[in-house]
Amino acid sequence: MLKGKGRKGFVMLFMVALLMFTAACGSNANNGTTNEGTTNSETNGAAGENNAANGEKLSGEVKVDGSSTVFPLTEAAAEEFNAEHPDVRVPVGVSGTGGGFKQFCAGEIAIADASRPIKDEEATVCKDAAIEYTELKVAFDGLSVVVSKDNDFIDNLTVEELNKIFITGSTVKTWKDVRAAWPAEEIKMFSPGADSGTYDYFNEAILDKKGIRNDAAISFSEDDNTLVQGVSGNKGGIGYFGFAYFEENQDKLKLVPIDGGKGAITPSNDTIKDGSYAPLSRPLYIYVSKKELERPEVKAFTQFYIKNIGSMASEVGYVALPDDQYATEAAKVE
């Protein structure tokens, strides 16, 4: 232990060293405020932008409307996204592909679900309203022709027979009018409405754009569940809608293989994906407003959609795109 002058000298030396250390720290602190402080602020700002881009701590609303066929896909994506981002609302409407494009081109929604590509006249309306957009493929679907479970005579239909049944001006009334060997059972047809992309696709692929008949023998609805109930409740019923709706209701309906000229093919994940279920295999889309993509919540949801919809597709009855196709679609969002 130090005593006397030795102890005093040690204390004096310690105090001098402490003062020098404090001064040095003060100088570094001032320098940090001037230089390092600016760097930290910039870093935090960049991190904030990255967090928004990654969908973290987001809020707001992403309005979607359109195709009833694409609805199950978008609804599934919205539910999963909301689980990660509970402060972002993603309401999904079902006004049909045409109805969705009307709202989209009027700037009322951020995303339009579509079971067909946008038509030239719809694109013109969007252009006139200065609505620029990105088209994204999200999955494949196979338009499925169905009859009642009580129908015990139909094993397949040709494209020509479908045309004969549904085309505008048709006088077909019974199944015997379609194929002579079939019974004189009255046909009751069920079809999506004219605002539906499914209607448009069927009209193009089966009826060569000549239109679907509109008489007492046919009922139209934008609600696929109504079509399911109509067909299943009529022994002579026939209708068509997306493959997912058949899978959900296969206990009530009978799936009809379609002969497009190369033999009767039944829609399935494989025949839809490889295109052999022709001519009723088709891609499904979402259309995203480029202006809306500038909002972090819209961009985050769109990125989440494209990244995850492939794994969700089969869960809701659709067929995923190849992985490289999803990579292509994701690049469009960036």
C-alpha atoms as a PDB file:
ATOM      1  CA  MET A   1       0.000   0.000   0.000  1.00  0.00           C
ATOM      2  CA  LEU A   2       1.322   3.450  -0.956  1.00  0.00           C
ATOM      3  CA  LYS A   3       1.800   6.079   1.752  1.00  0.00           C
ATOM      4  CA  GLY A   4       2.680   9.791   2.016  1.00  0.00           C
ATOM      5  CA  LYS A   5       4.146  11.474  -1.060  1.00  0.00           C
ATOM      6  CA  GLY A   6       4.022   8.243  -3.074  1.00  0.00           C
ATOM      7  CA  ARG A   7       0.300   8.002  -2.621  1.00  0.00           C
ATOM      8  CA  LYS A   8      -0.294  11.664  -3.525  1.00  0.00           C
ATOM      9  CA  GLY A   9       1.837  11.309  -6.635  1.00  0.00           C
ATOM     10  CA  PHE A  10      -0.121   8.281  -7.778  1.00  0.00           C
ATOM     11  CA  VAL A  11      -3.435  10.079  -7.333  1.00  0.00           C
ATOM     12  CA  MET A  12      -2.201  13.126  -9.281  1.00  0.00           C
ATOM     13  CA  LEU A  13      -0.984  10.869 -12.138  1.00  0.00           C
ATOM     14  CA  PHE A  14      -4.332   9.010 -12.237  1.00  0.00           C
ATOM     15  CA  MET A  15      -6.356  12.248 -12.421  1.00  0.00           C
ATOM     16  CA  VAL A  16      -4.244  13.594 -15.300  1.00  0.00           C
ATOM     17  CA  ALA A  17      -4.708  10.345 -17.231  1.00  0.00           C
ATOM     18  CA  LEU A  18      -8.465  10.412 -16.594  1.00  0.00           C
ATOM     19  CA  LEU A  19      -8.783  13.989 -17.886  1.00  0.00           C
ATOM     20  CA  MET A  20      -6.864  13.125 -21.052  1.00  0.00           C
ATOM     21  CA  PHE A  21      -9.062  10.076 -21.681  1.00  0.00           C
ATOM     22  CA  THR A  22     -12.273  12.080 -21.187  1.00  0.00           C
ATOM     23  CA  ALA A  23     -11.111  14.770 -23.595  1.00  0.00           C
ATOM     24  CA  ALA A  24     -10.298  12.177 -26.224  1.00  0.00           C
ATOM     25  CA  CYS A  25     -13.728  10.574 -25.855  1.00  0.00           C
ATOM     26  CA  GLY A  26     -15.401  13.951 -26.156  1.00  0.00           C
ATOM     27  CA  SER A  27     -13.571  14.667 -29.380  1.00  0.00           C
ATOM     28  CA  ASN A  28     -14.569  11.289 -30.830  1.00  0.00           C
ATOM     29  CA  ALA A  29     -18.162  11.818 -29.775  1.00  0.00           C
ATOM     30  CA  ASN A  30     -18.276  15.193 -31.564  1.00  0.00           C
ATOM     31  CA  ASN A  31     -16.745  13.650 -34.649  1.00  0.00           C
ATOM     32  CA  GLY A  32     -19.348  10.846 -34.479  1.00  0.00           C
ATOM     33  CA  THR A  33     -22.153  13.399 -34.360  1.00  0.00           C
ATOM     34  CA  THR A  34     -20.839  15.081 -37.480  1.00  0.00           C
ATOM     35  CA  ASN A  35     -19.802  12.067 -39.526  1.00  0.00           C
ATOM     36  CA  GLU A  36     -20.937   8.768 -38.099  1.00  0.00           C
ATOM     37  CA  GLY A  37     -24.306  10.230 -37.178  1.00  0.00           C
ATOM     38  CA  THR A  38     -25.019  11.085 -40.811  1.00  0.00           C
ATOM     39  CA  THR A  39     -23.965   7.622 -41.910  1.00  0.00           C
ATOM     40  CA  ASN A  40     -26.241   5.960 -39.364  1.00  0.00           C
ATOM     41  CA  SER A  41     -29.183   8.071 -40.487  1.00  0.00           C
ATOM     42  CA  GLU A  42     -28.648   7.098 -44.095  1.00  0.00           C
ATOM     43  CA  THR A  43     -28.272   3.459 -43.132  1.00  0.00           C
ATOM     44  CA  ASN A  44     -31.480   3.504 -41.125  1.00  0.00           C
ATOM     45  CA  GLY A  45     -33.310   5.137 -44.024  1.00  0.00           C
ATOM     46  CA  ALA A  46     -32.108   2.465 -46.421  1.00  0.00           C
ATOM     47  CA  ALA A  47     -33.065  -0.227 -43.959  1.00  0.00           C
ATOM     48  CA  GLY A  48     -36.528   1.278 -43.689  1.00  0.00           C
ATOM     49  CA  GLU A  49     -36.955   1.148 -47.458  1.00  0.00           C
ATOM     50  CA  ASN A  50     -35.776  -2.446 -47.508  1.00  0.00           C
ATOM     51  CA  ASN A  51     -38.198  -3.368 -44.745  1.00  0.00           C
ATOM     52  CA  ALA A  52     -41.076  -1.830 -46.701  1.00  0.00           C
ATOM     53  CA  ALA A  53     -40.015  -3.648 -49.843  1.00  0.00           C
ATOM     54  CA  ASN A  54     -39.890  -6.897 -47.893  1.00  0.00           C
ATOM     55  CA  GLY A  55     -43.381  -6.327 -46.573  1.00  0.00           C
ATOM     56  CA  GLU A  56     -42.394  -5.671 -42.946  1.00  0.00           C
ATOM     57  CA  LYS A  57     -44.486  -3.413 -40.697  1.00  0.00           C
ATOM     58  CA  LEU A  58     -46.869  -2.546 -43.509  1.00  0.00           C
ATOM     59  CA  SER A  59     -50.380  -1.141 -43.323  1.00  0.00           C
ATOM     60  CA  GLY A  60     -53.069   0.006 -45.739  1.00  0.00           C
ATOM     61  CA  GLU A  61     -55.353  -1.698 -48.238  1.00  0.00           C
ATOM     62  CA  VAL A  62     -54.837  -3.619 -51.485  1.00  0.00           C
ATOM     63  CA  LYS A  63     -58.142  -3.805 -53.380  1.00  0.00           C
ATOM     64  CA  VAL A  64     -58.618  -6.736 -55.759  1.00  0.00           C
ATOM     65  CA  ASP A  65     -61.606  -7.706 -57.920  1.00  0.00           C
ATOM     66  CA  GLY A  66     -62.387  -9.709 -61.035  1.00  0.00           C
ATOM     67  CA  SER A  67     -62.511 -13.352 -62.102  1.00  0.00           C
ATOM     68  CA  SER A  68     -64.414 -15.858 -59.976  1.00  0.00           C
ATOM     69  CA  THR A  69     -62.032 -18.501 -61.344  1.00  0.00           C
ATOM     70  CA  VAL A  70     -58.934 -16.691 -60.059  1.00  0.00           C
ATOM     71  CA  PHE A  71     -60.687 -15.727 -56.805  1.00  0.00           C
ATOM     72  CA  PRO A  72     -59.661 -18.890 -54.853  1.00  0.00           C
ATOM     73  CA  LEU A  73     -56.008 -18.288 -55.729  1.00  0.00           C
ATOM     74  CA  THR A  74     -56.060 -14.628 -54.729  1.00  0.00           C
ATOM     75  CA  GLU A  75     -58.091 -15.325 -51.605  1.00  0.00           C
ATOM     76  CA  ALA A  76     -55.536 -17.942 -50.511  1.00  0.00           C
ATOM     77  CA  ALA A  77     -52.659 -15.535 -51.162  1.00  0.00           C
ATOM     78  CA  ALA A  78     -54.474 -12.738 -49.305  1.00  0.00           C
ATOM     79  CA  GLU A  79     -55.087 -14.905 -46.241  1.00  0.00           C
ATOM     80  CA  GLU A  80     -51.465 -16.046 -46.042  1.00  0.00           C
ATOM     81  CA  PHE A  81     -50.177 -12.514 -46.602  1.00  0.00           C
ATOM     82  CA  ASN A  82     -52.499 -11.115 -43.935  1.00  0.00           C
ATOM     83  CA  ALA A  83     -51.168 -13.654 -41.445  1.00  0.00           C
ATOM     84  CA  GLU A  84     -47.733 -12.075 -41.876  1.00  0.00           C
ATOM     85  CA  HIS A  85     -48.993  -8.499 -42.241  1.00  0.00           C
ATOM     86  CA  PRO A  86     -52.154  -8.140 -40.134  1.00  0.00           C
ATOM     87  CA  ASP A  87     -52.316  -4.368 -40.669  1.00  0.00           C
ATOM     88  CA  VAL A  88     -52.794  -4.733 -44.435  1.00  0.00           C
ATOM     89  CA  ARG A  89     -56.336  -5.403 -45.677  1.00  0.00           C
ATOM     90  CA  VAL A  90     -56.702  -7.304 -48.975  1.00  0.00           C
ATOM     91  CA  PRO A  91     -60.419  -7.393 -49.867  1.00  0.00           C
ATOM     92  CA  VAL A  92     -61.062  -9.646 -52.892  1.00  0.00           C
ATOM     93  CA  GLY A  93     -64.214  -9.136 -54.977  1.00  0.00           C
ATOM     94  CA  VAL A  94     -65.827 -11.421 -57.559  1.00  0.00           C
ATOM     95  CA  SER A  95     -67.402  -9.274 -60.276  1.00  0.00           C
ATOM     96  CA  GLY A  96     -66.069 -11.370 -63.170  1.00  0.00           C
ATOM     97  CA  THR A  97     -63.060 -10.715 -65.389  1.00  0.00           C
ATOM     98  CA  GLY A  98     -64.851  -8.022 -67.383  1.00  0.00           C
ATOM     99  CA  GLY A  99     -66.219  -6.374 -64.251  1.00  0.00           C
ATOM    100  CA  GLY A 100     -62.759  -6.413 -62.693  1.00  0.00           C
ATOM    101  CA  PHE A 101     -61.197  -4.704 -65.714  1.00  0.00           C
ATOM    102  CA  LYS A 102     -63.892  -1.990 -65.614  1.00  0.00           C
ATOM    103  CA  GLN A 103     -62.930  -1.145 -62.039  1.00  0.00           C
ATOM    104  CA  PHE A 104     -59.223  -1.525 -62.761  1.00  0.00           C
ATOM    105  CA  CYS A 105     -59.241   0.835 -65.727  1.00  0.00           C
ATOM    106  CA  ALA A 106     -61.263   3.334 -63.680  1.00  0.00           C
ATOM    107  CA  GLY A 107     -58.504   3.342 -61.072  1.00  0.00           C
ATOM    108  CA  GLU A 108     -60.782   1.858 -58.404  1.00  0.00           C
ATOM    109  CA  ILE A 109     -58.699  -1.237 -57.594  1.00  0.00           C
ATOM    110  CA  ALA A 110     -55.000  -2.035 -57.459  1.00  0.00           C
ATOM    111  CA  ILE A 111     -55.194  -5.541 -58.929  1.00  0.00           C
ATOM    112  CA  ALA A 112     -57.563  -7.238 -61.381  1.00  0.00           C
ATOM    113  CA  ASP A 113     -58.026 -11.029 -61.360  1.00  0.00           C
ATOM    114  CA  ALA A 114     -58.468 -12.338 -64.912  1.00  0.00           C
ATOM    115  CA  SER A 115     -59.146 -15.734 -66.450  1.00  0.00           C
ATOM    116  CA  ARG A 116     -58.213 -14.409 -69.901  1.00  0.00           C
ATOM    117  CA  PRO A 117     -55.860 -11.757 -71.297  1.00  0.00           C
ATOM    118  CA  ILE A 118     -57.123  -8.183 -71.342  1.00  0.00           C
ATOM    119  CA  LYS A 119     -59.093  -7.339 -74.503  1.00  0.00           C
ATOM    120  CA  ASP A 120     -57.972  -4.617 -76.909  1.00  0.00           C
ATOM    121  CA  GLU A 121     -60.948  -2.438 -76.048  1.00  0.00           C
ATOM    122  CA  GLU A 122     -60.272  -2.814 -72.313  1.00  0.00           C
ATOM    123  CA  ALA A 123     -56.611  -1.969 -72.841  1.00  0.00           C
ATOM    124  CA  THR A 124     -57.680   1.161 -74.718  1.00  0.00           C
ATOM    125  CA  VAL A 125     -59.880   2.262 -71.802  1.00  0.00           C
ATOM    126  CA  CYS A 126     -56.933   1.790 -69.432  1.00  0.00           C
ATOM    127  CA  LYS A 127     -54.616   3.708 -71.761  1.00  0.00           C
ATOM    128  CA  ASP A 128     -57.064   6.606 -72.068  1.00  0.00           C
ATOM    129  CA  ALA A 129     -57.242   6.753 -68.266  1.00  0.00           C
ATOM    130  CA  ALA A 130     -53.419   6.660 -68.004  1.00  0.00           C
ATOM    131  CA  ILE A 131     -53.556   3.319 -66.186  1.00  0.00           C
ATOM    132  CA  GLU A 132     -50.350   1.431 -66.942  1.00  0.00           C
ATOM    133  CA  TYR A 133     -50.203  -2.160 -65.783  1.00  0.00           C
ATOM    134  CA  THR A 134     -48.155  -5.332 -65.505  1.00  0.00           C
ATOM    135  CA  GLU A 135     -49.662  -8.642 -66.633  1.00  0.00           C
ATOM    136  CA  LEU A 136     -48.635 -11.614 -64.483  1.00  0.00           C
ATOM    137  CA  LYS A 137     -49.429 -15.276 -65.103  1.00  0.00           C
ATOM    138  CA  VAL A 138     -50.184 -17.094 -61.853  1.00  0.00           C
ATOM    139  CA  ALA A 139     -51.380 -20.650 -62.661  1.00  0.00           C
ATOM    140  CA  PHE A 140     -53.035 -22.940 -65.203  1.00  0.00           C
ATOM    141  CA  ASP A 141     -56.679 -23.975 -65.225  1.00  0.00           C
ATOM    142  CA  GLY A 142     -58.698 -26.442 -67.274  1.00  0.00           C
ATOM    143  CA  LEU A 143     -62.233 -25.442 -68.157  1.00  0.00           C
ATOM    144  CA  SER A 144     -64.262 -28.416 -66.955  1.00  0.00           C
ATOM    145  CA  VAL A 145     -67.483 -29.590 -68.573  1.00  0.00           C
ATOM    146  CA  VAL A 146     -69.769 -31.286 -66.053  1.00  0.00           C
ATOM    147  CA  VAL A 147     -73.112 -33.086 -65.985  1.00  0.00           C
ATOM    148  CA  SER A 148     -75.311 -34.390 -63.203  1.00  0.00           C
ATOM    149  CA  LYS A 149     -74.247 -37.450 -61.221  1.00  0.00           C
ATOM    150  CA  ASP A 150     -77.592 -38.938 -62.319  1.00  0.00           C
ATOM    151  CA  ASN A 151     -76.495 -38.842 -65.956  1.00  0.00           C
ATOM    152  CA  ASP A 152     -75.530 -42.437 -66.751  1.00  0.00           C
ATOM    153  CA  PHE A 153     -75.119 -42.267 -70.542  1.00  0.00           C
ATOM    154  CA  ILE A 154     -72.560 -39.525 -71.321  1.00  0.00           C
ATOM    155  CA  ASP A 155     -68.979 -40.795 -71.346  1.00  0.00           C
ATOM    156  CA  ASN A 156     -67.465 -37.969 -73.434  1.00  0.00           C
ATOM    157  CA  LEU A 157     -68.347 -35.030 -75.678  1.00  0.00           C
ATOM    158  CA  THR A 158     -66.624 -33.714 -78.779  1.00  0.00           C
ATOM    159  CA  VAL A 159     -65.928 -30.024 -79.368  1.00  0.00           C
ATOM    160  CA  GLU A 160     -68.448 -30.204 -82.220  1.00  0.00           C
ATOM    161  CA  GLU A 161     -71.142 -31.549 -79.873  1.00  0.00           C
ATOM    162  CA  LEU A 162     -70.439 -28.824 -77.310  1.00  0.00           C
ATOM    163  CA  ASN A 163     -70.736 -26.290 -80.094  1.00  0.00           C
ATOM    164  CA  LYS A 164     -74.038 -27.812 -81.174  1.00  0.00           C
ATOM    165  CA  ILE A 165     -75.431 -27.592 -77.637  1.00  0.00           C
ATOM    166  CA  PHE A 166     -74.325 -24.092 -76.622  1.00  0.00           C
ATOM    167  CA  ILE A 167     -73.977 -21.968 -79.763  1.00  0.00           C
ATOM    168  CA  THR A 168     -76.320 -19.055 -80.333  1.00  0.00           C
ATOM    169  CA  GLY A 169     -79.270 -20.032 -82.510  1.00  0.00           C
ATOM    170  CA  SER A 170     -79.076 -23.705 -81.510  1.00  0.00           C
ATOM    171  CA  THR A 171     -82.335 -25.658 -81.673  1.00  0.00           C
ATOM    172  CA  VAL A 172     -81.010 -28.588 -79.607  1.00  0.00           C
ATOM    173  CA  LYS A 173     -83.486 -29.481 -76.845  1.00  0.00           C
ATOM    174  CA  THR A 174     -82.713 -33.046 -75.784  1.00  0.00           C
ATOM    175  CA  TRP A 175     -79.643 -35.240 -75.508  1.00  0.00           C
ATOM    176  CA  LYS A 176     -81.005 -37.340 -78.381  1.00  0.00           C
ATOM    177  CA  ASP A 177     -80.637 -34.224 -80.561  1.00  0.00           C
ATOM    178  CA  VAL A 178     -76.915 -34.289 -79.766  1.00  0.00           C
ATOM    179  CA  ARG A 179     -76.223 -37.991 -80.281  1.00  0.00           C
ATOM    180  CA  ALA A 180     -78.892 -40.329 -81.651  1.00  0.00           C
ATOM    181  CA  ALA A 181     -78.033 -43.140 -79.258  1.00  0.00           C
ATOM    182  CA  TRP A 182     -78.737 -40.977 -76.215  1.00  0.00           C
ATOM    183  CA  PRO A 183     -82.175 -40.664 -74.558  1.00  0.00           C
ATOM    184  CA  ALA A 184     -84.642 -37.870 -75.245  1.00  0.00           C
ATOM    185  CA  GLU A 185     -83.767 -36.297 -71.879  1.00  0.00           C
ATOM    186  CA  GLU A 186     -84.296 -32.518 -71.873  1.00  0.00           C
ATOM    187  CA  ILE A 187     -81.060 -30.530 -71.707  1.00  0.00           C
ATOM    188  CA  LYS A 188     -80.756 -27.724 -69.154  1.00  0.00           C
ATOM    189  CA  MET A 189     -77.631 -25.611 -69.654  1.00  0.00           C
ATOM    190  CA  PHE A 190     -75.766 -23.538 -67.071  1.00  0.00           C
ATOM    191  CA  SER A 191     -73.140 -20.975 -68.018  1.00  0.00           C
ATOM    192  CA  PRO A 192     -71.118 -18.173 -66.439  1.00  0.00           C
ATOM    193  CA  GLY A 193     -72.395 -14.715 -67.387  1.00  0.00           C
ATOM    194  CA  ALA A 194     -71.043 -12.515 -70.158  1.00  0.00           C
ATOM    195  CA  ASP A 195     -68.792 -10.572 -67.740  1.00  0.00           C
ATOM    196  CA  SER A 196     -66.915 -13.763 -66.924  1.00  0.00           C
ATOM    197  CA  GLY A 197     -63.558 -14.600 -68.478  1.00  0.00           C
ATOM    198  CA  THR A 198     -64.679 -18.220 -68.374  1.00  0.00           C
ATOM    199  CA  TYR A 199     -67.612 -17.332 -70.659  1.00  0.00           C
ATOM    200  CA  ASP A 200     -65.223 -15.512 -73.007  1.00  0.00           C
ATOM    201  CA  TYR A 201     -62.792 -18.404 -73.102  1.00  0.00           C
ATOM    202  CA  PHE A 202     -65.500 -20.985 -73.773  1.00  0.00           C
ATOM    203  CA  ASN A 203     -66.987 -18.745 -76.454  1.00  0.00           C
ATOM    204  CA  GLU A 204     -63.615 -18.453 -78.164  1.00  0.00           C
ATOM    205  CA  ALA A 205     -62.340 -22.027 -77.776  1.00  0.00           C
ATOM    206  CA  ILE A 206     -65.608 -23.890 -78.444  1.00  0.00           C
ATOM    207  CA  LEU A 207     -67.936 -21.510 -80.296  1.00  0.00           C
ATOM    208  CA  ASP A 208     -65.417 -19.621 -82.453  1.00  0.00           C
ATOM    209  CA  LYS A 209     -66.629 -16.344 -80.860  1.00  0.00           C
ATOM    210  CA  LYS A 210     -70.171 -16.750 -82.241  1.00  0.00           C
ATOM    211  CA  GLY A 211     -71.741 -16.439 -78.811  1.00  0.00           C
ATOM    212  CA  ILE A 212     -73.697 -18.622 -76.415  1.00  0.00           C
ATOM    213  CA  ARG A 213     -77.417 -19.143 -76.948  1.00  0.00           C
ATOM    214  CA  ASN A 214     -79.737 -17.089 -74.765  1.00  0.00           C
ATOM    215  CA  ASP A 215     -83.096 -18.811 -74.410  1.00  0.00           C
ATOM    216  CA  ALA A 216     -85.208 -20.666 -71.877  1.00  0.00           C
ATOM    217  CA  ALA A 217     -82.928 -23.704 -72.012  1.00  0.00           C
ATOM    218  CA  ILE A 218     -79.958 -21.896 -70.429  1.00  0.00           C
ATOM    219  CA  SER A 219     -79.311 -20.111 -67.131  1.00  0.00           C
ATOM    220  CA  PHE A 220     -76.441 -17.661 -66.543  1.00  0.00           C
ATOM    221  CA  SER A 221     -74.706 -16.787 -63.292  1.00  0.00           C
ATOM    222  CA  GLU A 222     -71.442 -15.134 -62.227  1.00  0.00           C
ATOM    223  CA  ASP A 223     -71.470 -17.380 -59.148  1.00  0.00           C
ATOM    224  CA  ASP A 224     -69.866 -20.756 -59.838  1.00  0.00           C
ATOM    225  CA  ASN A 225     -71.588 -22.242 -56.790  1.00  0.00           C
ATOM    226  CA  THR A 226     -74.947 -21.433 -58.402  1.00  0.00           C
ATOM    227  CA  LEU A 227     -73.823 -23.272 -61.531  1.00  0.00           C
ATOM    228  CA  VAL A 228     -72.809 -26.294 -59.463  1.00  0.00           C
ATOM    229  CA  GLN A 229     -76.210 -26.388 -57.777  1.00  0.00           C
ATOM    230  CA  GLY A 230     -78.002 -25.994 -61.106  1.00  0.00           C
ATOM    231  CA  VAL A 231     -76.191 -28.842 -62.856  1.00  0.00           C
ATOM    232  CA  SER A 232     -76.273 -31.206 -59.889  1.00  0.00           C
ATOM    233  CA  GLY A 233     -80.002 -30.631 -59.419  1.00  0.00           C
ATOM    234  CA  ASN A 234     -80.978 -31.434 -63.023  1.00  0.00           C
ATOM    235  CA  LYS A 235     -80.627 -34.935 -64.497  1.00  0.00           C
ATOM    236  CA  GLY A 236     -80.235 -33.455 -67.973  1.00  0.00           C
ATOM    237  CA  GLY A 237     -78.038 -30.581 -66.759  1.00  0.00           C
ATOM    238  CA  ILE A 238     -74.700 -29.536 -68.264  1.00  0.00           C
ATOM    239  CA  GLY A 239     -72.394 -26.663 -67.412  1.00  0.00           C
ATOM    240  CA  TYR A 240     -68.764 -25.570 -67.379  1.00  0.00           C
ATOM    241  CA  PHE A 241     -66.391 -23.736 -65.038  1.00  0.00           C
ATOM    242  CA  GLY A 242     -62.854 -23.950 -63.657  1.00  0.00           C
ATOM    243  CA  PHE A 243     -61.317 -27.291 -62.679  1.00  0.00           C
ATOM    244  CA  ALA A 244     -61.037 -26.182 -59.037  1.00  0.00           C
ATOM    245  CA  TYR A 245     -64.808 -25.935 -58.694  1.00  0.00           C
ATOM    246  CA  PHE A 246     -65.260 -29.441 -60.033  1.00  0.00           C
ATOM    247  CA  GLU A 247     -62.726 -30.800 -57.539  1.00  0.00           C
ATOM    248  CA  GLU A 248     -64.557 -29.064 -54.708  1.00  0.00           C
ATOM    249  CA  ASN A 249     -67.874 -30.560 -55.854  1.00  0.00           C
ATOM    250  CA  GLN A 250     -66.968 -33.888 -57.403  1.00  0.00           C
ATOM    251  CA  ASP A 251     -69.338 -35.667 -55.042  1.00  0.00           C
ATOM    252  CA  LYS A 252     -72.220 -33.847 -56.795  1.00  0.00           C
ATOM    253  CA  LEU A 253     -71.008 -33.759 -60.408  1.00  0.00           C
ATOM    254  CA  LYS A 254     -69.728 -35.979 -63.195  1.00  0.00           C
ATOM    255  CA  LEU A 255     -66.706 -34.782 -65.173  1.00  0.00           C
ATOM    256  CA  VAL A 256     -66.965 -35.130 -68.959  1.00  0.00           C
ATOM    257  CA  PRO A 257     -63.818 -35.934 -71.020  1.00  0.00           C
ATOM    258  CA  ILE A 258     -63.573 -33.715 -74.113  1.00  0.00           C
ATOM    259  CA  ASP A 259     -62.446 -34.827 -77.554  1.00  0.00           C
ATOM    260  CA  GLY A 260     -60.703 -31.967 -79.323  1.00  0.00           C
ATOM    261  CA  GLY A 261     -59.759 -34.153 -82.294  1.00  0.00           C
ATOM    262  CA  LYS A 262     -57.165 -36.430 -80.697  1.00  0.00           C
ATOM    263  CA  GLY A 263     -59.397 -38.590 -78.546  1.00  0.00           C
ATOM    264  CA  ALA A 264     -61.299 -37.835 -75.354  1.00  0.00           C
ATOM    265  CA  ILE A 265     -59.120 -36.262 -72.646  1.00  0.00           C
ATOM    266  CA  THR A 266     -60.100 -35.773 -69.008  1.00  0.00           C
ATOM    267  CA  PRO A 267     -58.837 -32.601 -67.305  1.00  0.00           C
ATOM    268  CA  SER A 268     -56.230 -33.308 -64.611  1.00  0.00           C
ATOM    269  CA  ASN A 269     -53.123 -31.624 -63.237  1.00  0.00           C
ATOM    270  CA  ASP A 270     -50.988 -33.370 -65.862  1.00  0.00           C
ATOM    271  CA  THR A 271     -53.232 -32.878 -68.917  1.00  0.00           C
ATOM    272  CA  ILE A 272     -53.849 -29.223 -68.043  1.00  0.00           C
ATOM    273  CA  LYS A 273     -50.169 -28.458 -67.487  1.00  0.00           C
ATOM    274  CA  ASP A 274     -48.903 -30.208 -70.620  1.00  0.00           C
ATOM    275  CA  GLY A 275     -51.680 -28.731 -72.791  1.00  0.00           C
ATOM    276  CA  SER A 276     -53.051 -32.091 -73.948  1.00  0.00           C
ATOM    277  CA  TYR A 277     -56.434 -31.135 -72.507  1.00  0.00           C
ATOM    278  CA  ALA A 278     -57.111 -29.033 -75.564  1.00  0.00           C
ATOM    279  CA  PRO A 279     -58.661 -26.663 -76.333  1.00  0.00           C
ATOM    280  CA  LEU A 280     -59.809 -25.991 -72.771  1.00  0.00           C
ATOM    281  CA  SER A 281     -56.473 -25.533 -70.927  1.00  0.00           C
ATOM    282  CA  ARG A 282     -55.664 -21.906 -70.153  1.00  0.00           C
ATOM    283  CA  PRO A 283     -53.368 -19.665 -68.091  1.00  0.00           C
ATOM    284  CA  LEU A 284     -54.775 -17.436 -65.349  1.00  0.00           C
ATOM    285  CA  TYR A 285     -53.621 -13.874 -64.648  1.00  0.00           C
ATOM    286  CA  ILE A 286     -53.503 -10.939 -62.321  1.00  0.00           C
ATOM    287  CA  TYR A 287     -53.065  -7.395 -63.633  1.00  0.00           C
ATOM    288  CA  VAL A 288     -51.329  -4.897 -61.333  1.00  0.00           C
ATOM    289  CA  SER A 289     -51.413  -1.121 -61.720  1.00  0.00           C
ATOM    290  CA  LYS A 290     -47.864   0.241 -62.047  1.00  0.00           C
ATOM    291  CA  LYS A 291     -48.856   3.338 -60.089  1.00  0.00           C
ATOM    292  CA  GLU A 292     -50.259   1.185 -57.288  1.00  0.00           C
ATOM    293  CA  LEU A 293     -47.030  -0.855 -57.257  1.00  0.00           C
ATOM    294  CA  GLU A 294     -45.310   2.259 -55.907  1.00  0.00           C
ATOM    295  CA  ARG A 295     -47.223   1.697 -52.653  1.00  0.00           C
ATOM    296  CA  PRO A 296     -45.142  -0.621 -50.418  1.00  0.00           C
ATOM    297  CA  GLU A 297     -48.113  -2.748 -49.374  1.00  0.00           C
ATOM    298  CA  VAL A 298     -49.178  -3.377 -52.989  1.00  0.00           C
ATOM    299  CA  LYS A 299     -45.662  -4.261 -54.094  1.00  0.00           C
ATOM    300  CA  ALA A 300     -45.153  -6.521 -51.075  1.00  0.00           C
ATOM    301  CA  PHE A 301     -48.429  -8.349 -51.687  1.00  0.00           C
ATOM    302  CA  THR A 302     -47.693  -8.804 -55.395  1.00  0.00           C
ATOM    303  CA  GLN A 303     -44.208 -10.148 -54.676  1.00  0.00           C
ATOM    304  CA  PHE A 304     -45.640 -12.472 -52.018  1.00  0.00           C
ATOM    305  CA  TYR A 305     -48.308 -13.661 -54.468  1.00  0.00           C
ATOM    306  CA  ILE A 306     -45.874 -14.616 -57.223  1.00  0.00           C
ATOM    307  CA  LYS A 307     -43.379 -16.165 -54.804  1.00  0.00           C
ATOM    308  CA  ASN A 308     -45.923 -18.383 -53.041  1.00  0.00           C
ATOM    309  CA  ILE A 309     -48.843 -19.033 -55.394  1.00  0.00           C
ATOM    310  CA  GLY A 310     -47.186 -22.044 -57.017  1.00  0.00           C
ATOM    311  CA  SER A 311     -47.264 -23.991 -53.750  1.00  0.00           C
ATOM    312  CA  MET A 312     -50.837 -22.821 -53.046  1.00  0.00           C
ATOM    313  CA  ALA A 313     -52.212 -23.614 -56.512  1.00  0.00           C
ATOM    314  CA  SER A 314     -52.714 -27.342 -56.042  1.00  0.00           C
ATOM    315  CA  GLU A 315     -54.294 -26.759 -52.626  1.00  0.00           C
ATOM    316  CA  VAL A 316     -57.137 -24.824 -54.250  1.00  0.00           C
ATOM    317  CA  GLY A 317     -57.468 -27.030 -57.347  1.00  0.00           C
ATOM    318  CA  TYR A 318     -55.210 -25.363 -59.910  1.00  0.00           C
ATOM    319  CA  VAL A 319     -51.960 -26.259 -61.644  1.00  0.00           C
ATOM    320  CA  ALA A 320     -48.750 -24.397 -60.859  1.00  0.00           C
ATOM    321  CA  LEU A 321     -46.563 -22.841 -63.542  1.00  0.00           C
ATOM    322  CA  PRO A 322     -43.006 -24.160 -63.972  1.00  0.00           C
ATOM    323  CA  ASP A 323     -40.561 -22.591 -61.491  1.00  0.00           C
ATOM    324  CA  ASP A 324     -38.684 -20.724 -64.216  1.00  0.00           C
ATOM    325  CA  GLN A 325     -41.962 -19.128 -65.310  1.00  0.00           C
ATOM    326  CA  TYR A 326     -42.565 -17.800 -61.797  1.00  0.00           C
ATOM    327  CA  ALA A 327     -39.028 -16.378 -61.847  1.00  0.00           C
ATOM    328  CA  THR A 328     -39.903 -14.580 -65.083  1.00  0.00           C
ATOM    329  CA  GLU A 329     -43.099 -13.181 -63.589  1.00  0.00           C
ATOM    330  CA  ALA A 330     -41.306 -12.071 -60.401  1.00  0.00           C
ATOM    331  CA  ALA A 331     -38.759 -10.138 -62.491  1.00  0.00           C
ATOM    332  CA  LYS A 332     -41.620  -8.114 -64.021  1.00  0.00           C
ATOM    333  CA  VAL A 333     -42.588  -6.842 -60.570  1.00  0.00           C
ATOM    334  CA  GLU A 334     -39.048  -5.648 -59.869  1.00  0.00           C
END
